[in-house]
Each structure stands twice: as structure tokens, then as C-alpha cells.
Amino acid sequence: KSSLAAPRSWDTVKKLSSSLNAVVVLKGHRTVISDGKSVSVNPTGNPVLATGGTGDLLAGAIAALLAGGMGLFEAAAAGVYAEGLAGDIFMKKKGASGALVRDLAALLPAALKIMKEERMA
């Protein structure tokens, strides 16, 4: 059984990103982000994120960070981290089931605040 955070996946995402000349986000147990040069493996998140609409939430978070002036790779990595952190906060407060995407969206400001305090956003 291979993990999405395994070096093989890093290589695959990096090659795809390079061939598309785009930032690629491969969502999974450990989401992998690449711009074709760098690879980032996100440490946040849990099964709570296996909820319909989280991809849309992630796209919106990345777009908001881009609008705030972040570069594409940095915005993708920060958006993935923030969404994962929102999932971690939800799980800590309410457990592993019952999350709706609106619950996770409501926790994004708290996640971004934590990231700012840790100098990540």
C-alpha cells in the first residue's frame, strides 16, 4: 500500500506540474503541492476533509490568498494548510464525523489566525 505522501507521488506531481507549467495540488491523506521545481507535503488534515465540497472550499481559499498578493505556489500551500487546519480544529471540537463544508468554511478564519500567529500566512 503506498501513501500519497510517498516520494513516488512527489515525483509524479513535480513532473506533471513541470509539464503543465502550473501549480498542481494532489489531494489525499497528505496533500502534495508542486510548481515543477519545489514540492510541499501538507502536514495538516484528517478524514473530516473527505466531505463533498472541500475541493471547492480549497479553491476559494487559494483564490483569496492569491487576491491578497501571495504567489501561486505559496497560496496553494497555505490554502491547503489552512483547510487541513480547519479540519483538525473541527475534529478536535466535534469528532471525526458529521462535518459539512460550511462547518469547515466557518473555521477557516480561525485557521488563518493560527497560521498568522505562527507566521505561515
PDB file of N, CA and C in Angstrom:
ATOM      1  N   LYS A   1       0.858  -1.181   0.000  1.00  0.00           N
ATOM      2  CA  LYS A   1       0.000   0.000   0.000  1.00  0.00           C
ATOM      3  C   LYS A   1       0.895   1.233   0.000  1.00  0.00           C
ATOM      4  N   SER A   2       0.684   2.125  -0.938  1.00  0.00           N
ATOM      5  CA  SER A   2       1.521   3.329  -0.999  1.00  0.00           C
ATOM      6  C   SER A   2       0.756   4.528  -0.463  1.00  0.00           C
ATOM      7  N   SER A   3       1.493   5.449   0.080  1.00  0.00           N
ATOM      8  CA  SER A   3       0.919   6.675   0.620  1.00  0.00           C
ATOM      9  C   SER A   3       1.053   7.777  -0.417  1.00  0.00           C
ATOM     10  N   LEU A   4       0.078   8.680  -0.468  1.00  0.00           N
ATOM     11  CA  LEU A   4       0.172   9.800  -1.399  1.00  0.00           C
ATOM     12  C   LEU A   4       1.331  10.720  -1.064  1.00  0.00           C
ATOM     13  N   ALA A   5       1.847  10.625   0.149  1.00  0.00           N
ATOM     14  CA  ALA A   5       2.978  11.464   0.526  1.00  0.00           C
ATOM     15  C   ALA A   5       4.302  10.754   0.272  1.00  0.00           C
ATOM     16  N   ALA A   6       4.263   9.611  -0.391  1.00  0.00           N
ATOM     17  CA  ALA A   6       5.484   8.875  -0.698  1.00  0.00           C
ATOM     18  C   ALA A   6       6.278   9.619  -1.764  1.00  0.00           C
ATOM     19  N   PRO A   7       7.598   9.478  -1.739  1.00  0.00           N
ATOM     20  CA  PRO A   7       8.436  10.169  -2.731  1.00  0.00           C
ATOM     21  C   PRO A   7       8.010   9.925  -4.173  1.00  0.00           C
ATOM     22  N   ARG A   8       7.452   8.758  -4.476  1.00  0.00           N
ATOM     23  CA  ARG A   8       6.995   8.480  -5.839  1.00  0.00           C
ATOM     24  C   ARG A   8       5.915   9.481  -6.255  1.00  0.00           C
ATOM     25  N   SER A   9       4.995   9.779  -5.341  1.00  0.00           N
ATOM     26  CA  SER A   9       3.951  10.763  -5.632  1.00  0.00           C
ATOM     27  C   SER A   9       4.535  12.155  -5.784  1.00  0.00           C
ATOM     28  N   TRP A  10       5.543  12.460  -4.974  1.00  0.00           N
ATOM     29  CA  TRP A  10       6.198  13.767  -5.095  1.00  0.00           C
ATOM     30  C   TRP A  10       6.730  13.923  -6.506  1.00  0.00           C
ATOM     31  N   ASP A  11       7.391  12.873  -6.986  1.00  0.00           N
ATOM     32  CA  ASP A  11       7.983  12.896  -8.321  1.00  0.00           C
ATOM     33  C   ASP A  11       6.908  13.053  -9.393  1.00  0.00           C
ATOM     34  N   THR A  12       5.827  12.310  -9.250  1.00  0.00           N
ATOM     35  CA  THR A  12       4.728  12.373 -10.218  1.00  0.00           C
ATOM     36  C   THR A  12       4.124  13.771 -10.269  1.00  0.00           C
ATOM     37  N   VAL A  13       3.849  14.343  -9.108  1.00  0.00           N
ATOM     38  CA  VAL A  13       3.256  15.682  -9.047  1.00  0.00           C
ATOM     39  C   VAL A  13       4.225  16.713  -9.609  1.00  0.00           C
ATOM     40  N   LYS A  14       5.493  16.578  -9.287  1.00  0.00           N
ATOM     41  CA  LYS A  14       6.504  17.516  -9.784  1.00  0.00           C
ATOM     42  C   LYS A  14       6.603  17.448 -11.309  1.00  0.00           C
ATOM     43  N   LYS A  15       6.605  16.246 -11.864  1.00  0.00           N
ATOM     44  CA  LYS A  15       6.678  16.082 -13.322  1.00  0.00           C
ATOM     45  C   LYS A  15       5.424  16.643 -13.997  1.00  0.00           C
ATOM     46  N   LEU A  16       4.258  16.351 -13.440  1.00  0.00           N
ATOM     47  CA  LEU A  16       3.010  16.864 -14.012  1.00  0.00           C
ATOM     48  C   LEU A  16       2.997  18.384 -13.974  1.00  0.00           C
ATOM     49  N   SER A  17       3.386  18.941 -12.855  1.00  0.00           N
ATOM     50  CA  SER A  17       3.425  20.389 -12.707  1.00  0.00           C
ATOM     51  C   SER A  17       4.366  21.021 -13.725  1.00  0.00           C
ATOM     52  N   SER A  18       5.522  20.404 -13.884  1.00  0.00           N
ATOM     53  CA  SER A  18       6.510  20.915 -14.839  1.00  0.00           C
ATOM     54  C   SER A  18       5.979  20.829 -16.268  1.00  0.00           C
ATOM     55  N   SER A  19       5.359  19.710 -16.621  1.00  0.00           N
ATOM     56  CA  SER A  19       4.864  19.547 -17.991  1.00  0.00           C
ATOM     57  C   SER A  19       3.692  20.480 -18.294  1.00  0.00           C
ATOM     58  N   LEU A  20       2.894  20.804 -17.287  1.00  0.00           N
ATOM     59  CA  LEU A  20       1.759  21.711 -17.481  1.00  0.00           C
ATOM     60  C   LEU A  20       2.126  23.172 -17.275  1.00  0.00           C
ATOM     61  N   ASN A  21       3.325  23.402 -16.721  1.00  0.00           N
ATOM     62  CA  ASN A  21       3.750  24.750 -16.343  1.00  0.00           C
ATOM     63  C   ASN A  21       2.689  25.385 -15.433  1.00  0.00           C
ATOM     64  N   ALA A  22       2.318  24.604 -14.412  1.00  0.00           N
ATOM     65  CA  ALA A  22       1.255  25.030 -13.498  1.00  0.00           C
ATOM     66  C   ALA A  22       1.540  24.490 -12.103  1.00  0.00           C
ATOM     67  N   VAL A  23       0.912  25.082 -11.122  1.00  0.00           N
ATOM     68  CA  VAL A  23       0.970  24.533  -9.772  1.00  0.00           C
ATOM     69  C   VAL A  23      -0.085  23.428  -9.693  1.00  0.00           C
ATOM     70  N   VAL A  24       0.327  22.268  -9.198  1.00  0.00           N
ATOM     71  CA  VAL A  24      -0.567  21.116  -9.086  1.00  0.00           C
ATOM     72  C   VAL A  24      -0.758  20.771  -7.613  1.00  0.00           C
ATOM     73  N   VAL A  25      -2.003  20.532  -7.234  1.00  0.00           N
ATOM     74  CA  VAL A  25      -2.350  20.100  -5.879  1.00  0.00           C
ATOM     75  C   VAL A  25      -2.984  18.718  -6.004  1.00  0.00           C
ATOM     76  N   LEU A  26      -2.351  17.719  -5.401  1.00  0.00           N
ATOM     77  CA  LEU A  26      -2.882  16.358  -5.380  1.00  0.00           C
ATOM     78  C   LEU A  26      -3.428  16.099  -3.985  1.00  0.00           C
ATOM     79  N   LYS A  27      -4.764  16.183  -3.867  1.00  0.00           N
ATOM     80  CA  LYS A  27      -5.403  15.990  -2.562  1.00  0.00           C
ATOM     81  C   LYS A  27      -5.349  14.521  -2.176  1.00  0.00           C
ATOM     82  N   GLY A  28      -5.096  14.295  -0.901  1.00  0.00           N
ATOM     83  CA  GLY A  28      -5.074  12.930  -0.393  1.00  0.00           C
ATOM     84  C   GLY A  28      -4.765  12.927   1.084  1.00  0.00           C
ATOM     85  N   HIS A  29      -4.400  11.753   1.599  1.00  0.00           N
ATOM     86  CA  HIS A  29      -4.064  11.628   3.024  1.00  0.00           C
ATOM     87  C   HIS A  29      -3.074  12.702   3.437  1.00  0.00           C
ATOM     88  N   ARG A  30      -2.065  12.903   2.671  1.00  0.00           N
ATOM     89  CA  ARG A  30      -1.119  14.011   2.833  1.00  0.00           C
ATOM     90  C   ARG A  30      -1.054  14.695   1.476  1.00  0.00           C
ATOM     91  N   THR A  31      -1.711  15.824   1.354  1.00  0.00           N
ATOM     92  CA  THR A  31      -1.805  16.541   0.087  1.00  0.00           C
ATOM     93  C   THR A  31      -0.431  17.027  -0.348  1.00  0.00           C
ATOM     94  N   VAL A  32      -0.159  16.847  -1.641  1.00  0.00           N
ATOM     95  CA  VAL A  32       1.132  17.203  -2.229  1.00  0.00           C
ATOM     96  C   VAL A  32       0.921  18.371  -3.186  1.00  0.00           C
ATOM     97  N   ILE A  33       1.795  19.383  -3.097  1.00  0.00           N
ATOM     98  CA  ILE A  33       1.726  20.576  -3.937  1.00  0.00           C
ATOM     99  C   ILE A  33       3.064  20.735  -4.633  1.00  0.00           C
ATOM    100  N   SER A  34       3.037  21.056  -5.943  1.00  0.00           N
ATOM    101  CA  SER A  34       4.292  21.312  -6.653  1.00  0.00           C
ATOM    102  C   SER A  34       4.102  22.383  -7.712  1.00  0.00           C
ATOM    103  N   ASP A  35       5.180  23.128  -7.939  1.00  0.00           N
ATOM    104  CA  ASP A  35       5.215  24.105  -9.026  1.00  0.00           C
ATOM    105  C   ASP A  35       6.173  23.650 -10.122  1.00  0.00           C
ATOM    106  N   GLY A  36       6.606  22.405 -10.057  1.00  0.00           N
ATOM    107  CA  GLY A  36       7.551  21.878 -11.030  1.00  0.00           C
ATOM    108  C   GLY A  36       8.988  21.967 -10.564  1.00  0.00           C
ATOM    109  N   LYS A  37       9.237  22.811  -9.578  1.00  0.00           N
ATOM    110  CA  LYS A  37      10.581  22.958  -9.005  1.00  0.00           C
ATOM    111  C   LYS A  37      10.588  22.481  -7.559  1.00  0.00           C
ATOM    112  N   SER A  38       9.643  22.970  -6.785  1.00  0.00           N
ATOM    113  CA  SER A  38       9.539  22.628  -5.366  1.00  0.00           C
ATOM    114  C   SER A  38       8.348  21.704  -5.142  1.00  0.00           C
ATOM    115  N   VAL A  39       8.435  20.933  -4.068  1.00  0.00           N
ATOM    116  CA  VAL A  39       7.336  20.060  -3.659  1.00  0.00           C
ATOM    117  C   VAL A  39       7.086  20.301  -2.177  1.00  0.00           C
ATOM    118  N   SER A  40       5.819  20.419  -1.814  1.00  0.00           N
ATOM    119  CA  SER A  40       5.434  20.583  -0.416  1.00  0.00           C
ATOM    120  C   SER A  40       4.422  19.495  -0.071  1.00  0.00           C
ATOM    121  N   VAL A  41       4.625  18.853   1.071  1.00  0.00           N
ATOM    122  CA  VAL A  41       3.676  17.852   1.561  1.00  0.00           C
ATOM    123  C   VAL A  41       3.009  18.441   2.796  1.00  0.00           C
ATOM    124  N   ASN A  42       1.700  18.577   2.738  1.00  0.00           N
ATOM    125  CA  ASN A  42       0.962  19.229   3.818  1.00  0.00           C
ATOM    126  C   ASN A  42       0.807  18.318   5.035  1.00  0.00           C
ATOM    127  N   PRO A  43       1.149  18.825   6.225  1.00  0.00           N
ATOM    128  CA  PRO A  43       1.038  18.002   7.431  1.00  0.00           C
ATOM    129  C   PRO A  43      -0.322  18.065   8.131  1.00  0.00           C
ATOM    130  N   THR A  44      -1.207  18.978   7.710  1.00  0.00           N
ATOM    131  CA  THR A  44      -2.489  19.120   8.400  1.00  0.00           C
ATOM    132  C   THR A  44      -3.578  18.330   7.685  1.00  0.00           C
ATOM    133  N   GLY A  45      -4.686  18.143   8.382  1.00  0.00           N
ATOM    134  CA  GLY A  45      -5.843  17.490   7.777  1.00  0.00           C
ATOM    135  C   GLY A  45      -6.087  16.105   8.341  1.00  0.00           C
ATOM    136  N   ASN A  46      -7.268  15.594   8.048  1.00  0.00           N
ATOM    137  CA  ASN A  46      -7.710  14.304   8.561  1.00  0.00           C
ATOM    138  C   ASN A  46      -8.925  13.865   7.742  1.00  0.00           C
ATOM    139  N   PRO A  47      -9.524  12.713   8.054  1.00  0.00           N
ATOM    140  CA  PRO A  47     -10.658  12.222   7.262  1.00  0.00           C
ATOM    141  C   PRO A  47     -11.880  13.140   7.227  1.00  0.00           C
ATOM    142  N   VAL A  48     -11.961  14.117   8.113  1.00  0.00           N
ATOM    143  CA  VAL A  48     -13.059  15.089   8.076  1.00  0.00           C
ATOM    144  C   VAL A  48     -13.104  15.775   6.701  1.00  0.00           C
ATOM    145  N   LEU A  49     -11.944  15.904   6.056  1.00  0.00           N
ATOM    146  CA  LEU A  49     -11.881  16.593   4.766  1.00  0.00           C
ATOM    147  C   LEU A  49     -12.437  15.756   3.613  1.00  0.00           C
ATOM    148  N   ALA A  50     -12.780  14.500   3.869  1.00  0.00           N
ATOM    149  CA  ALA A  50     -13.392  13.659   2.842  1.00  0.00           C
ATOM    150  C   ALA A  50     -14.894  13.944   2.820  1.00  0.00           C
ATOM    151  N   THR A  51     -15.208  15.196   2.587  1.00  0.00           N
ATOM    152  CA  THR A  51     -16.577  15.703   2.612  1.00  0.00           C
ATOM    153  C   THR A  51     -16.840  16.434   1.303  1.00  0.00           C
ATOM    154  N   GLY A  52     -17.996  16.235   0.728  1.00  0.00           N
ATOM    155  CA  GLY A  52     -18.334  16.918  -0.512  1.00  0.00           C
ATOM    156  C   GLY A  52     -18.184  18.425  -0.398  1.00  0.00           C
ATOM    157  N   GLY A  53     -17.540  19.026  -1.382  1.00  0.00           N
ATOM    158  CA  GLY A  53     -17.384  20.475  -1.415  1.00  0.00           C
ATOM    159  C   GLY A  53     -16.053  20.985  -0.908  1.00  0.00           C
ATOM    160  N   THR A  54     -15.224  20.100  -0.334  1.00  0.00           N
ATOM    161  CA  THR A  54     -13.952  20.592   0.204  1.00  0.00           C
ATOM    162  C   THR A  54     -12.987  21.030  -0.895  1.00  0.00           C
ATOM    163  N   GLY A  55     -13.110  20.458  -2.081  1.00  0.00           N
ATOM    164  CA  GLY A  55     -12.279  20.919  -3.198  1.00  0.00           C
ATOM    165  C   GLY A  55     -12.637  22.345  -3.595  1.00  0.00           C
ATOM    166  N   ASP A  56     -13.930  22.638  -3.597  1.00  0.00           N
ATOM    167  CA  ASP A  56     -14.386  24.000  -3.892  1.00  0.00           C
ATOM    168  C   ASP A  56     -13.932  24.972  -2.807  1.00  0.00           C
ATOM    169  N   LEU A  57     -14.023  24.528  -1.553  1.00  0.00           N
ATOM    170  CA  LEU A  57     -13.563  25.358  -0.439  1.00  0.00           C
ATOM    171  C   LEU A  57     -12.073  25.645  -0.579  1.00  0.00           C
ATOM    172  N   LEU A  58     -11.304  24.631  -0.936  1.00  0.00           N
ATOM    173  CA  LEU A  58      -9.865  24.799  -1.122  1.00  0.00           C
ATOM    174  C   LEU A  58      -9.574  25.779  -2.258  1.00  0.00           C
ATOM    175  N   ALA A  59     -10.275  25.640  -3.367  1.00  0.00           N
ATOM    176  CA  ALA A  59     -10.070  26.560  -4.495  1.00  0.00           C
ATOM    177  C   ALA A  59     -10.362  28.000  -4.081  1.00  0.00           C
ATOM    178  N   GLY A  60     -11.419  28.202  -3.308  1.00  0.00           N
ATOM    179  CA  GLY A  60     -11.747  29.544  -2.823  1.00  0.00           C
ATOM    180  C   GLY A  60     -10.702  30.092  -1.874  1.00  0.00           C
ATOM    181  N   ALA A  61     -10.185  29.236  -0.997  1.00  0.00           N
ATOM    182  CA  ALA A  61      -9.143  29.673  -0.058  1.00  0.00           C
ATOM    183  C   ALA A  61      -7.884  30.088  -0.811  1.00  0.00           C
ATOM    184  N   ILE A  62      -7.500  29.288  -1.804  1.00  0.00           N
ATOM    185  CA  ILE A  62      -6.311  29.616  -2.605  1.00  0.00           C
ATOM    186  C   ILE A  62      -6.541  30.921  -3.362  1.00  0.00           C
ATOM    187  N   ALA A  63      -7.723  31.085  -3.957  1.00  0.00           N
ATOM    188  CA  ALA A  63      -8.030  32.315  -4.698  1.00  0.00           C
ATOM    189  C   ALA A  63      -7.977  33.536  -3.788  1.00  0.00           C
ATOM    190  N   ALA A  64      -8.490  33.410  -2.571  1.00  0.00           N
ATOM    191  CA  ALA A  64      -8.462  34.533  -1.627  1.00  0.00           C
ATOM    192  C   ALA A  64      -7.028  34.902  -1.265  1.00  0.00           C
ATOM    193  N   LEU A  65      -6.180  33.908  -1.066  1.00  0.00           N
ATOM    194  CA  LEU A  65      -4.774  34.180  -0.744  1.00  0.00           C
ATOM    195  C   LEU A  65      -4.048  34.808  -1.934  1.00  0.00           C
ATOM    196  N   LEU A  66      -4.381  34.362  -3.144  1.00  0.00           N
ATOM    197  CA  LEU A  66      -3.814  34.985  -4.351  1.00  0.00           C
ATOM    198  C   LEU A  66      -4.246  36.447  -4.444  1.00  0.00           C
ATOM    199  N   ALA A  67      -5.519  36.709  -4.186  1.00  0.00           N
ATOM    200  CA  ALA A  67      -6.033  38.081  -4.234  1.00  0.00           C
ATOM    201  C   ALA A  67      -5.349  38.962  -3.201  1.00  0.00           C
ATOM    202  N   GLY A  68      -4.892  38.349  -2.117  1.00  0.00           N
ATOM    203  CA  GLY A  68      -4.174  39.083  -1.076  1.00  0.00           C
ATOM    204  C   GLY A  68      -2.712  39.322  -1.398  1.00  0.00           C
ATOM    205  N   GLY A  69      -2.263  38.842  -2.560  1.00  0.00           N
ATOM    206  CA  GLY A  69      -0.902  39.134  -3.004  1.00  0.00           C
ATOM    207  C   GLY A  69       0.105  38.004  -2.892  1.00  0.00           C
ATOM    208  N   MET A  70      -0.307  36.834  -2.438  1.00  0.00           N
ATOM    209  CA  MET A  70       0.623  35.709  -2.350  1.00  0.00           C
ATOM    210  C   MET A  70       0.931  35.171  -3.734  1.00  0.00           C
ATOM    211  N   GLY A  71       2.103  34.582  -3.882  1.00  0.00           N
ATOM    212  CA  GLY A  71       2.451  33.884  -5.115  1.00  0.00           C
ATOM    213  C   GLY A  71       1.637  32.601  -5.223  1.00  0.00           C
ATOM    214  N   LEU A  72       1.587  32.021  -6.421  1.00  0.00           N
ATOM    215  CA  LEU A  72       0.730  30.861  -6.671  1.00  0.00           C
ATOM    216  C   LEU A  72       1.115  29.645  -5.826  1.00  0.00           C
ATOM    217  N   PHE A  73       2.388  29.272  -5.808  1.00  0.00           N
ATOM    218  CA  PHE A  73       2.810  28.110  -5.021  1.00  0.00           C
ATOM    219  C   PHE A  73       2.557  28.340  -3.537  1.00  0.00           C
ATOM    220  N   GLU A  74       2.907  29.526  -3.062  1.00  0.00           N
ATOM    221  CA  GLU A  74       2.715  29.852  -1.647  1.00  0.00           C
ATOM    222  C   GLU A  74       1.234  29.855  -1.277  1.00  0.00           C
ATOM    223  N   ALA A  75       0.395  30.409  -2.163  1.00  0.00           N
ATOM    224  CA  ALA A  75      -1.049  30.441  -1.903  1.00  0.00           C
ATOM    225  C   ALA A  75      -1.636  29.030  -1.887  1.00  0.00           C
ATOM    226  N   ALA A  76      -1.186  28.191  -2.813  1.00  0.00           N
ATOM    227  CA  ALA A  76      -1.674  26.809  -2.837  1.00  0.00           C
ATOM    228  C   ALA A  76      -1.275  26.079  -1.558  1.00  0.00           C
ATOM    229  N   ALA A  77      -0.009  26.209  -1.163  1.00  0.00           N
ATOM    230  CA  ALA A  77       0.467  25.536   0.052  1.00  0.00           C
ATOM    231  C   ALA A  77      -0.247  26.074   1.294  1.00  0.00           C
ATOM    232  N   ALA A  78      -0.415  27.390   1.373  1.00  0.00           N
ATOM    233  CA  ALA A  78      -1.083  27.991   2.532  1.00  0.00           C
ATOM    234  C   ALA A  78      -2.569  27.638   2.555  1.00  0.00           C
ATOM    235  N   GLY A  79      -3.216  27.618   1.395  1.00  0.00           N
ATOM    236  CA  GLY A  79      -4.629  27.248   1.332  1.00  0.00           C
ATOM    237  C   GLY A  79      -4.863  25.808   1.764  1.00  0.00           C
ATOM    238  N   VAL A  80      -3.997  24.916   1.294  1.00  0.00           N
ATOM    239  CA  VAL A  80      -4.088  23.507   1.686  1.00  0.00           C
ATOM    240  C   VAL A  80      -3.869  23.368   3.192  1.00  0.00           C
ATOM    241  N   TYR A  81      -2.868  24.074   3.711  1.00  0.00           N
ATOM    242  CA  TYR A  81      -2.573  24.016   5.147  1.00  0.00           C
ATOM    243  C   TYR A  81      -3.768  24.534   5.955  1.00  0.00           C
ATOM    244  N   ALA A  82      -4.325  25.670   5.526  1.00  0.00           N
ATOM    245  CA  ALA A  82      -5.455  26.274   6.250  1.00  0.00           C
ATOM    246  C   ALA A  82      -6.675  25.362   6.248  1.00  0.00           C
ATOM    247  N   GLU A  83      -6.989  24.777   5.098  1.00  0.00           N
ATOM    248  CA  GLU A  83      -8.145  23.877   5.043  1.00  0.00           C
ATOM    249  C   GLU A  83      -7.906  22.658   5.934  1.00  0.00           C
ATOM    250  N   GLY A  84      -6.693  22.115   5.902  1.00  0.00           N
ATOM    251  CA  GLY A  84      -6.364  20.982   6.764  1.00  0.00           C
ATOM    252  C   GLY A  84      -6.460  21.341   8.229  1.00  0.00           C
ATOM    253  N   LEU A  85      -5.988  22.535   8.563  1.00  0.00           N
ATOM    254  CA  LEU A  85      -6.051  23.004   9.945  1.00  0.00           C
ATOM    255  C   LEU A  85      -7.505  23.192  10.388  1.00  0.00           C
ATOM    256  N   ALA A  86      -8.346  23.693   9.491  1.00  0.00           N
ATOM    257  CA  ALA A  86      -9.778  23.809   9.800  1.00  0.00           C
ATOM    258  C   ALA A  86     -10.364  22.423  10.094  1.00  0.00           C
ATOM    259  N   GLY A  87      -9.957  21.430   9.318  1.00  0.00           N
ATOM    260  CA  GLY A  87     -10.392  20.056   9.576  1.00  0.00           C
ATOM    261  C   GLY A  87      -9.901  19.543  10.917  1.00  0.00           C
ATOM    262  N   ASP A  88      -8.661  19.883  11.252  1.00  0.00           N
ATOM    263  CA  ASP A  88      -8.103  19.472  12.548  1.00  0.00           C
ATOM    264  C   ASP A  88      -8.858  20.122  13.709  1.00  0.00           C
ATOM    265  N   ILE A  89      -9.189  21.407  13.547  1.00  0.00           N
ATOM    266  CA  ILE A  89      -9.945  22.122  14.584  1.00  0.00           C
ATOM    267  C   ILE A  89     -11.326  21.479  14.754  1.00  0.00           C
ATOM    268  N   PHE A  90     -11.996  21.191  13.616  1.00  0.00           N
ATOM    269  CA  PHE A  90     -13.318  20.559  13.677  1.00  0.00           C
ATOM    270  C   PHE A  90     -13.236  19.230  14.416  1.00  0.00           C
ATOM    271  N   MET A  91     -12.256  18.408  14.048  1.00  0.00           N
ATOM    272  CA  MET A  91     -12.134  17.083  14.651  1.00  0.00           C
ATOM    273  C   MET A  91     -11.889  17.175  16.159  1.00  0.00           C
ATOM    274  N   LYS A  92     -11.074  18.147  16.551  1.00  0.00           N
ATOM    275  CA  LYS A  92     -10.779  18.325  17.979  1.00  0.00           C
ATOM    276  C   LYS A  92     -12.040  18.734  18.749  1.00  0.00           C
ATOM    277  N   LYS A  93     -12.877  19.577  18.117  1.00  0.00           N
ATOM    278  CA  LYS A  93     -14.074  20.077  18.793  1.00  0.00           C
ATOM    279  C   LYS A  93     -15.254  19.109  18.739  1.00  0.00           C
ATOM    280  N   LYS A  94     -15.430  18.442  17.574  1.00  0.00           N
ATOM    281  CA  LYS A  94     -16.674  17.692  17.364  1.00  0.00           C
ATOM    282  C   LYS A  94     -16.495  16.234  16.971  1.00  0.00           C
ATOM    283  N   GLY A  95     -15.269  15.790  16.774  1.00  0.00           N
ATOM    284  CA  GLY A  95     -15.055  14.401  16.382  1.00  0.00           C
ATOM    285  C   GLY A  95     -14.894  14.239  14.885  1.00  0.00           C
ATOM    286  N   ALA A  96     -14.794  12.980  14.466  1.00  0.00           N
ATOM    287  CA  ALA A  96     -14.422  12.669  13.089  1.00  0.00           C
ATOM    288  C   ALA A  96     -15.585  12.602  12.109  1.00  0.00           C
ATOM    289  N   SER A  97     -16.805  12.751  12.570  1.00  0.00           N
ATOM    290  CA  SER A  97     -17.913  12.638  11.620  1.00  0.00           C
ATOM    291  C   SER A  97     -18.875  13.809  11.759  1.00  0.00           C
ATOM    292  N   GLY A  98     -19.664  13.974  10.719  1.00  0.00           N
ATOM    293  CA  GLY A  98     -20.703  14.992  10.755  1.00  0.00           C
ATOM    294  C   GLY A  98     -20.317  16.345  10.197  1.00  0.00           C
ATOM    295  N   ALA A  99     -19.119  16.468   9.654  1.00  0.00           N
ATOM    296  CA  ALA A  99     -18.687  17.764   9.119  1.00  0.00           C
ATOM    297  C   ALA A  99     -19.381  18.062   7.800  1.00  0.00           C
ATOM    298  N   LEU A 100     -19.829  19.275   7.665  1.00  0.00           N
ATOM    299  CA  LEU A 100     -20.319  19.790   6.393  1.00  0.00           C
ATOM    300  C   LEU A 100     -19.308  20.824   5.920  1.00  0.00           C
ATOM    301  N   VAL A 101     -19.270  21.056   4.631  1.00  0.00           N
ATOM    302  CA  VAL A 101     -18.292  22.006   4.110  1.00  0.00           C
ATOM    303  C   VAL A 101     -18.496  23.388   4.733  1.00  0.00           C
ATOM    304  N   ARG A 102     -19.727  23.747   5.047  1.00  0.00           N
ATOM    305  CA  ARG A 102     -19.959  25.057   5.675  1.00  0.00           C
ATOM    306  C   ARG A 102     -19.329  25.122   7.066  1.00  0.00           C
ATOM    307  N   ASP A 103     -19.264  23.983   7.769  1.00  0.00           N
ATOM    308  CA  ASP A 103     -18.599  23.949   9.079  1.00  0.00           C
ATOM    309  C   ASP A 103     -17.109  24.240   8.922  1.00  0.00           C
ATOM    310  N   LEU A 104     -16.516  23.638   7.901  1.00  0.00           N
ATOM    311  CA  LEU A 104     -15.086  23.848   7.652  1.00  0.00           C
ATOM    312  C   LEU A 104     -14.824  25.276   7.188  1.00  0.00           C
ATOM    313  N   ALA A 105     -15.704  25.802   6.334  1.00  0.00           N
ATOM    314  CA  ALA A 105     -15.553  27.187   5.872  1.00  0.00           C
ATOM    315  C   ALA A 105     -15.608  28.154   7.050  1.00  0.00           C
ATOM    316  N   ALA A 106     -16.480  27.880   8.002  1.00  0.00           N
ATOM    317  CA  ALA A 106     -16.608  28.755   9.170  1.00  0.00           C
ATOM    318  C   ALA A 106     -15.355  28.732  10.045  1.00  0.00           C
ATOM    319  N   LEU A 107     -14.569  27.662   9.941  1.00  0.00           N
ATOM    320  CA  LEU A 107     -13.347  27.545  10.744  1.00  0.00           C
ATOM    321  C   LEU A 107     -12.105  28.097  10.045  1.00  0.00           C
ATOM    322  N   LEU A 108     -12.214  28.455   8.770  1.00  0.00           N
ATOM    323  CA  LEU A 108     -11.044  28.988   8.049  1.00  0.00           C
ATOM    324  C   LEU A 108     -10.472  30.253   8.682  1.00  0.00           C
ATOM    325  N   PRO A 109     -11.287  31.222   9.121  1.00  0.00           N
ATOM    326  CA  PRO A 109     -10.692  32.399   9.768  1.00  0.00           C
ATOM    327  C   PRO A 109      -9.853  32.041  10.998  1.00  0.00           C
ATOM    328  N   ALA A 110     -10.318  31.088  11.798  1.00  0.00           N
ATOM    329  CA  ALA A 110      -9.544  30.656  12.974  1.00  0.00           C
ATOM    330  C   ALA A 110      -8.244  29.994  12.539  1.00  0.00           C
ATOM    331  N   ALA A 111      -8.311  29.196  11.481  1.00  0.00           N
ATOM    332  CA  ALA A 111      -7.105  28.540  10.970  1.00  0.00           C
ATOM    333  C   ALA A 111      -6.102  29.576  10.464  1.00  0.00           C
ATOM    334  N   LEU A 112      -6.584  30.568   9.724  1.00  0.00           N
ATOM    335  CA  LEU A 112      -5.689  31.615   9.212  1.00  0.00           C
ATOM    336  C   LEU A 112      -5.092  32.441  10.348  1.00  0.00           C
ATOM    337  N   LYS A 113      -5.872  32.667  11.399  1.00  0.00           N
ATOM    338  CA  LYS A 113      -5.351  33.400  12.560  1.00  0.00           C
ATOM    339  C   LYS A 113      -4.214  32.617  13.210  1.00  0.00           C
ATOM    340  N   ILE A 114      -4.404  31.326  13.382  1.00  0.00           N
ATOM    341  CA  ILE A 114      -3.344  30.477  13.945  1.00  0.00           C
ATOM    342  C   ILE A 114      -2.110  30.529  13.052  1.00  0.00           C
ATOM    343  N   MET A 115      -2.317  30.457  11.744  1.00  0.00           N
ATOM    344  CA  MET A 115      -1.191  30.498  10.804  1.00  0.00           C
ATOM    345  C   MET A 115      -0.447  31.822  10.902  1.00  0.00           C
ATOM    346  N   LYS A 116      -1.187  32.929  11.014  1.00  0.00           N
ATOM    347  CA  LYS A 116      -0.529  34.235  11.156  1.00  0.00           C
ATOM    348  C   LYS A 116       0.283  34.293  12.433  1.00  0.00           C
ATOM    349  N   GLU A 117      -0.281  33.752  13.498  1.00  0.00           N
ATOM    350  CA  GLU A 117       0.446  33.725  14.767  1.00  0.00           C
ATOM    351  C   GLU A 117       1.714  32.887  14.653  1.00  0.00           C
ATOM    352  N   GLU A 118       1.669  31.864  13.810  1.00  0.00           N
ATOM    353  CA  GLU A 118       2.839  31.009  13.587  1.00  0.00           C
ATOM    354  C   GLU A 118       3.666  31.495  12.395  1.00  0.00           C
ATOM    355  N   ARG A 119       3.277  32.647  11.824  1.00  0.00           N
ATOM    356  CA  ARG A 119       3.964  33.256  10.677  1.00  0.00           C
ATOM    357  C   ARG A 119       3.946  32.380   9.427  1.00  0.00           C
ATOM    358  N   MET A 120       2.788  31.760   9.156  1.00  0.00           N
ATOM    359  CA  MET A 120       2.676  30.895   7.987  1.00  0.00           C
ATOM    360  C   MET A 120       1.821  31.508   6.895  1.00  0.00           C
ATOM    361  N   ALA A 121       1.134  32.602   7.178  1.00  0.00           N
ATOM    362  CA  ALA A 121       0.297  33.221   6.138  1.00  0.00           C
ATOM    363  C   ALA A 121       0.483  34.720   6.187  1.00  0.00           C
TER     364      ALA A 121
END
